[in-house]
Structures are given as structure tokens and as C-alpha cells.
């Protein structure tokens, strides 16, 4: 099963913030399709792969993709001043050990 929810959420984030100076990030690629990832990148979405990378960017909205992240990671992201947009798959949320 493929979740298109993170894809749609990211599109909505871009639509809502194109006129604003809001930085938009995704914690890992939102979809496993290089062309789509490149398209989002060209629209201003920055892909973050590690927490340490966050220190090199100004705070903004950070999408948590369907794979999810641990509660500890969420806390560390928020401590750095980023706003979380959580699109974690409900099945992953039910069993956080999958993160």
C-alpha cells in the first residue's frame, strides 16, 4: 500500500506558503520517485536526512513523511525551532517501533 497523504500535504504546504517567506523541509524524501523529489526541490522544498542538517538551515515547517520518526526526534526538531507537519502513516503510529 502506498500512502499519497504526505505527497498531498507537501503540495498543500507549498500552495499555502508560496507568497510567504516560509522555509519548507521534508525529513527524508516524501516519495521514492527521483523526478517527483526533484520537482519538489525545484519548488523550494529542502530534503533533510539527519538532525544535524537542521542546524544549517533556518527554522520553518518540516514534514514528517509516512515512515515517521521517534518521539525523541520530534522533540529535537521542535527544540531547533521547526514546526512539525506530521504525515506519519496511521499504521506506523500504532506501532512506533517501526520508526
N, C-alpha and C. Protein backbone atom coordinates (compact mmCIF):
# COMPACT_ATOMS: atom_id res chain seq x y z
N UNK A 1 0.83 -1.18 0.00
CA UNK A 1 0.00 0.00 0.00
C UNK A 1 0.88 1.25 0.00
N UNK A 2 0.59 2.19 -0.87
CA UNK A 2 1.34 3.43 -0.97
C UNK A 2 0.50 4.56 -0.40
N UNK A 3 1.10 5.35 0.48
CA UNK A 3 0.38 6.47 1.05
C UNK A 3 0.67 7.73 0.24
N UNK A 4 -0.36 8.34 -0.33
CA UNK A 4 -0.17 9.59 -1.05
C UNK A 4 -0.41 10.79 -0.15
N UNK A 5 -0.78 10.54 1.08
CA UNK A 5 -1.07 11.64 2.00
C UNK A 5 0.11 12.60 2.16
N UNK A 6 1.34 12.12 2.43
CA UNK A 6 2.47 13.07 2.57
C UNK A 6 2.67 13.90 1.31
N UNK A 7 2.50 13.28 0.15
CA UNK A 7 2.62 13.98 -1.13
C UNK A 7 1.62 15.12 -1.20
N UNK A 8 0.36 14.84 -0.88
CA UNK A 8 -0.69 15.86 -0.92
C UNK A 8 -0.47 16.94 0.12
N UNK A 9 -0.02 16.56 1.29
CA UNK A 9 0.25 17.54 2.35
C UNK A 9 1.36 18.48 1.91
N UNK A 10 2.41 17.94 1.31
CA UNK A 10 3.52 18.77 0.85
C UNK A 10 3.06 19.74 -0.25
N UNK A 11 2.24 19.26 -1.15
CA UNK A 11 1.68 20.13 -2.18
C UNK A 11 0.88 21.27 -1.55
N UNK A 12 0.08 20.93 -0.55
CA UNK A 12 -0.73 21.95 0.14
C UNK A 12 0.16 22.96 0.87
N UNK A 13 1.23 22.47 1.51
CA UNK A 13 2.16 23.36 2.19
C UNK A 13 2.74 24.36 1.19
N UNK A 14 3.14 23.88 0.03
CA UNK A 14 3.69 24.76 -1.00
C UNK A 14 2.65 25.77 -1.48
N UNK A 15 1.43 25.30 -1.71
CA UNK A 15 0.37 26.20 -2.16
C UNK A 15 0.09 27.30 -1.15
N UNK A 16 0.11 26.94 0.12
CA UNK A 16 -0.22 27.91 1.17
C UNK A 16 0.91 28.89 1.45
N UNK A 17 2.13 28.52 1.13
CA UNK A 17 3.26 29.35 1.54
C UNK A 17 4.07 29.94 0.39
N UNK A 18 3.57 29.84 -0.83
CA UNK A 18 4.33 30.37 -1.95
C UNK A 18 4.48 31.88 -1.87
N UNK A 19 3.50 32.57 -1.32
CA UNK A 19 3.58 34.02 -1.23
C UNK A 19 4.28 34.48 0.05
N UNK A 20 4.56 33.56 0.94
CA UNK A 20 5.22 33.89 2.19
C UNK A 20 6.69 33.47 2.10
N UNK A 21 7.46 33.91 3.05
CA UNK A 21 8.88 33.54 3.09
C UNK A 21 9.09 32.41 4.08
N UNK A 22 8.27 31.36 3.98
CA UNK A 22 8.36 30.22 4.88
C UNK A 22 9.24 29.15 4.25
N UNK A 23 10.16 28.63 5.03
CA UNK A 23 11.02 27.54 4.56
C UNK A 23 10.29 26.22 4.78
N UNK A 24 10.33 25.37 3.76
CA UNK A 24 9.63 24.09 3.83
C UNK A 24 10.66 22.97 3.66
N UNK A 25 10.57 22.00 4.57
CA UNK A 25 11.50 20.88 4.59
C UNK A 25 10.74 19.56 4.64
N UNK A 26 11.40 18.52 4.22
CA UNK A 26 10.87 17.16 4.37
C UNK A 26 11.96 16.33 5.04
N UNK A 27 11.58 15.60 6.07
CA UNK A 27 12.55 14.74 6.75
C UNK A 27 12.66 13.44 5.94
N UNK A 28 13.56 13.44 5.00
CA UNK A 28 13.70 12.36 4.03
C UNK A 28 12.80 12.65 2.84
N UNK A 29 13.03 11.95 1.74
CA UNK A 29 12.20 12.19 0.56
C UNK A 29 10.76 11.77 0.80
N UNK A 30 9.83 12.58 0.35
CA UNK A 30 8.41 12.33 0.60
C UNK A 30 7.90 11.14 -0.19
N UNK A 31 8.58 10.82 -1.27
CA UNK A 31 8.16 9.71 -2.14
C UNK A 31 9.42 9.13 -2.78
N UNK A 32 9.39 7.86 -3.10
CA UNK A 32 10.55 7.20 -3.70
C UNK A 32 10.50 7.31 -5.22
N UNK A 33 10.49 8.53 -5.70
CA UNK A 33 10.47 8.80 -7.12
C UNK A 33 11.37 10.01 -7.35
N UNK A 34 12.56 9.80 -7.92
CA UNK A 34 13.52 10.90 -8.06
C UNK A 34 12.98 12.12 -8.81
N UNK A 35 12.14 11.89 -9.80
CA UNK A 35 11.59 13.01 -10.56
C UNK A 35 10.66 13.87 -9.70
N UNK A 36 9.85 13.23 -8.89
CA UNK A 36 8.94 13.97 -8.01
C UNK A 36 9.74 14.70 -6.93
N UNK A 37 10.74 14.04 -6.38
CA UNK A 37 11.58 14.68 -5.36
C UNK A 37 12.26 15.91 -5.96
N UNK A 38 12.78 15.78 -7.17
CA UNK A 38 13.43 16.91 -7.84
C UNK A 38 12.43 18.04 -8.11
N UNK A 39 11.20 17.67 -8.48
CA UNK A 39 10.17 18.69 -8.70
C UNK A 39 9.93 19.48 -7.41
N UNK A 40 9.76 18.78 -6.30
CA UNK A 40 9.54 19.47 -5.03
C UNK A 40 10.75 20.33 -4.67
N UNK A 41 11.93 19.81 -4.93
CA UNK A 41 13.16 20.57 -4.66
C UNK A 41 13.16 21.86 -5.48
N UNK A 42 12.75 21.77 -6.74
CA UNK A 42 12.72 22.97 -7.60
C UNK A 42 11.66 23.97 -7.14
N UNK A 43 10.68 23.50 -6.37
CA UNK A 43 9.64 24.37 -5.82
C UNK A 43 10.06 24.97 -4.47
N UNK A 44 11.24 24.58 -3.97
CA UNK A 44 11.76 25.16 -2.74
C UNK A 44 11.75 24.25 -1.53
N UNK A 45 11.40 22.98 -1.71
CA UNK A 45 11.42 22.04 -0.59
C UNK A 45 12.83 21.50 -0.41
N UNK A 46 13.33 21.57 0.81
CA UNK A 46 14.66 21.05 1.13
C UNK A 46 14.50 19.71 1.83
N UNK A 47 15.21 18.70 1.36
CA UNK A 47 15.17 17.38 1.97
C UNK A 47 16.23 17.33 3.07
N UNK A 48 15.81 16.95 4.26
CA UNK A 48 16.70 16.81 5.41
C UNK A 48 16.86 15.32 5.69
N UNK A 49 18.11 14.88 5.89
CA UNK A 49 18.35 13.46 6.14
C UNK A 49 18.77 13.17 7.58
N UNK A 50 19.31 14.18 8.27
CA UNK A 50 19.77 13.98 9.65
C UNK A 50 19.41 15.20 10.50
N UNK A 51 19.35 15.00 11.79
CA UNK A 51 19.08 16.12 12.69
C UNK A 51 20.16 17.19 12.59
N UNK A 52 21.41 16.77 12.43
CA UNK A 52 22.50 17.74 12.36
C UNK A 52 22.34 18.69 11.18
N UNK A 53 21.73 18.25 10.10
CA UNK A 53 21.49 19.12 8.95
C UNK A 53 20.60 20.30 9.31
N UNK A 54 19.69 20.09 10.26
CA UNK A 54 18.76 21.16 10.64
C UNK A 54 19.50 22.40 11.13
N UNK A 55 20.68 22.19 11.71
CA UNK A 55 21.44 23.32 12.25
C UNK A 55 21.98 24.23 11.15
N UNK A 56 21.96 23.78 9.91
CA UNK A 56 22.48 24.58 8.80
C UNK A 56 21.39 25.34 8.06
N UNK A 57 20.14 25.20 8.50
CA UNK A 57 19.01 25.84 7.83
C UNK A 57 18.20 26.68 8.82
N UNK A 58 17.56 27.73 8.32
CA UNK A 58 16.67 28.50 9.21
C UNK A 58 15.41 27.69 9.51
N UNK A 59 14.82 27.89 10.68
CA UNK A 59 13.59 27.16 11.01
C UNK A 59 12.48 27.42 10.00
N UNK A 60 11.60 26.45 9.90
CA UNK A 60 10.45 26.53 9.02
C UNK A 60 9.53 25.37 9.33
N UNK A 61 8.73 24.99 8.36
CA UNK A 61 7.83 23.84 8.53
C UNK A 61 8.53 22.59 8.01
N UNK A 62 8.50 21.53 8.81
CA UNK A 62 9.17 20.30 8.44
C UNK A 62 8.16 19.16 8.38
N UNK A 63 8.02 18.58 7.21
CA UNK A 63 7.10 17.46 7.01
C UNK A 63 7.75 16.17 7.47
N UNK A 64 7.06 15.45 8.33
CA UNK A 64 7.47 14.10 8.70
C UNK A 64 6.74 13.17 7.74
N UNK A 65 7.47 12.45 6.93
CA UNK A 65 6.85 11.61 5.91
C UNK A 65 6.21 10.38 6.54
N UNK A 66 5.59 9.56 5.72
CA UNK A 66 4.79 8.43 6.21
C UNK A 66 5.58 7.43 7.03
N UNK A 67 6.90 7.38 6.86
CA UNK A 67 7.73 6.45 7.63
C UNK A 67 7.79 6.81 9.11
N UNK A 68 7.53 8.08 9.42
CA UNK A 68 7.54 8.53 10.81
C UNK A 68 8.94 8.67 11.37
N UNK A 69 9.02 9.23 12.55
CA UNK A 69 10.27 9.34 13.31
C UNK A 69 9.91 9.13 14.78
N UNK A 70 10.93 8.92 15.59
CA UNK A 70 10.69 8.69 17.01
C UNK A 70 10.25 9.97 17.71
N UNK A 71 9.63 9.81 18.87
CA UNK A 71 9.22 10.97 19.69
C UNK A 71 10.44 11.81 20.07
N UNK A 72 11.56 11.15 20.31
CA UNK A 72 12.80 11.86 20.65
C UNK A 72 13.23 12.76 19.49
N UNK A 73 13.13 12.24 18.28
CA UNK A 73 13.49 13.03 17.10
C UNK A 73 12.55 14.22 16.95
N UNK A 74 11.25 14.01 17.16
CA UNK A 74 10.27 15.11 17.10
C UNK A 74 10.66 16.21 18.09
N UNK A 75 10.98 15.81 19.29
CA UNK A 75 11.35 16.77 20.33
C UNK A 75 12.58 17.57 19.92
N UNK A 76 13.58 16.89 19.36
CA UNK A 76 14.81 17.58 18.95
C UNK A 76 14.55 18.54 17.79
N UNK A 77 13.67 18.17 16.90
CA UNK A 77 13.30 19.06 15.79
C UNK A 77 12.63 20.31 16.32
N UNK A 78 11.69 20.14 17.24
CA UNK A 78 10.98 21.28 17.82
C UNK A 78 11.91 22.16 18.64
N UNK A 79 12.87 21.56 19.32
CA UNK A 79 13.84 22.34 20.10
C UNK A 79 14.67 23.25 19.20
N UNK A 80 14.81 22.88 17.95
CA UNK A 80 15.56 23.69 16.99
C UNK A 80 14.68 24.77 16.34
N UNK A 81 13.42 24.84 16.75
CA UNK A 81 12.53 25.91 16.29
C UNK A 81 11.71 25.59 15.05
N UNK A 82 11.70 24.33 14.63
CA UNK A 82 10.93 23.93 13.45
C UNK A 82 9.51 23.55 13.86
N UNK A 83 8.58 23.83 12.96
CA UNK A 83 7.19 23.42 13.15
C UNK A 83 7.00 22.08 12.46
N UNK A 84 6.44 21.12 13.16
CA UNK A 84 6.23 19.77 12.64
C UNK A 84 4.90 19.70 11.89
N UNK A 85 4.94 19.13 10.70
CA UNK A 85 3.73 18.77 9.96
C UNK A 85 3.82 17.25 9.83
N UNK A 86 3.05 16.55 10.64
CA UNK A 86 3.18 15.10 10.76
C UNK A 86 2.26 14.36 9.80
N UNK A 87 2.86 13.63 8.86
CA UNK A 87 2.06 12.81 7.94
C UNK A 87 2.41 11.33 8.10
N UNK A 88 2.79 10.97 9.32
CA UNK A 88 3.13 9.58 9.60
C UNK A 88 1.93 8.68 9.35
N UNK A 89 2.17 7.57 8.70
CA UNK A 89 1.14 6.58 8.41
C UNK A 89 0.49 6.12 9.72
N UNK A 90 -0.82 6.02 9.76
CA UNK A 90 -1.51 5.57 10.98
C UNK A 90 -1.04 4.20 11.46
N UNK A 91 -0.67 3.33 10.55
CA UNK A 91 -0.18 2.00 10.94
C UNK A 91 1.17 2.09 11.64
N UNK A 92 1.99 3.02 11.20
CA UNK A 92 3.29 3.23 11.84
C UNK A 92 3.07 3.84 13.22
N UNK A 93 2.13 4.77 13.33
CA UNK A 93 1.84 5.39 14.63
C UNK A 93 1.36 4.37 15.66
N UNK A 94 0.62 3.36 15.20
CA UNK A 94 0.13 2.32 16.11
C UNK A 94 1.27 1.48 16.67
N UNK A 95 2.34 1.35 15.90
CA UNK A 95 3.49 0.55 16.32
C UNK A 95 4.75 1.36 16.10
N UNK A 96 5.06 2.29 17.03
CA UNK A 96 6.20 3.19 16.84
C UNK A 96 7.55 2.50 16.72
N UNK A 97 7.63 1.24 17.08
CA UNK A 97 8.91 0.55 16.92
C UNK A 97 9.28 0.40 15.45
N UNK A 98 8.32 0.68 14.56
CA UNK A 98 8.59 0.64 13.14
C UNK A 98 9.41 1.83 12.66
N UNK A 99 9.51 2.87 13.50
CA UNK A 99 10.25 4.08 13.10
C UNK A 99 11.74 3.83 13.13
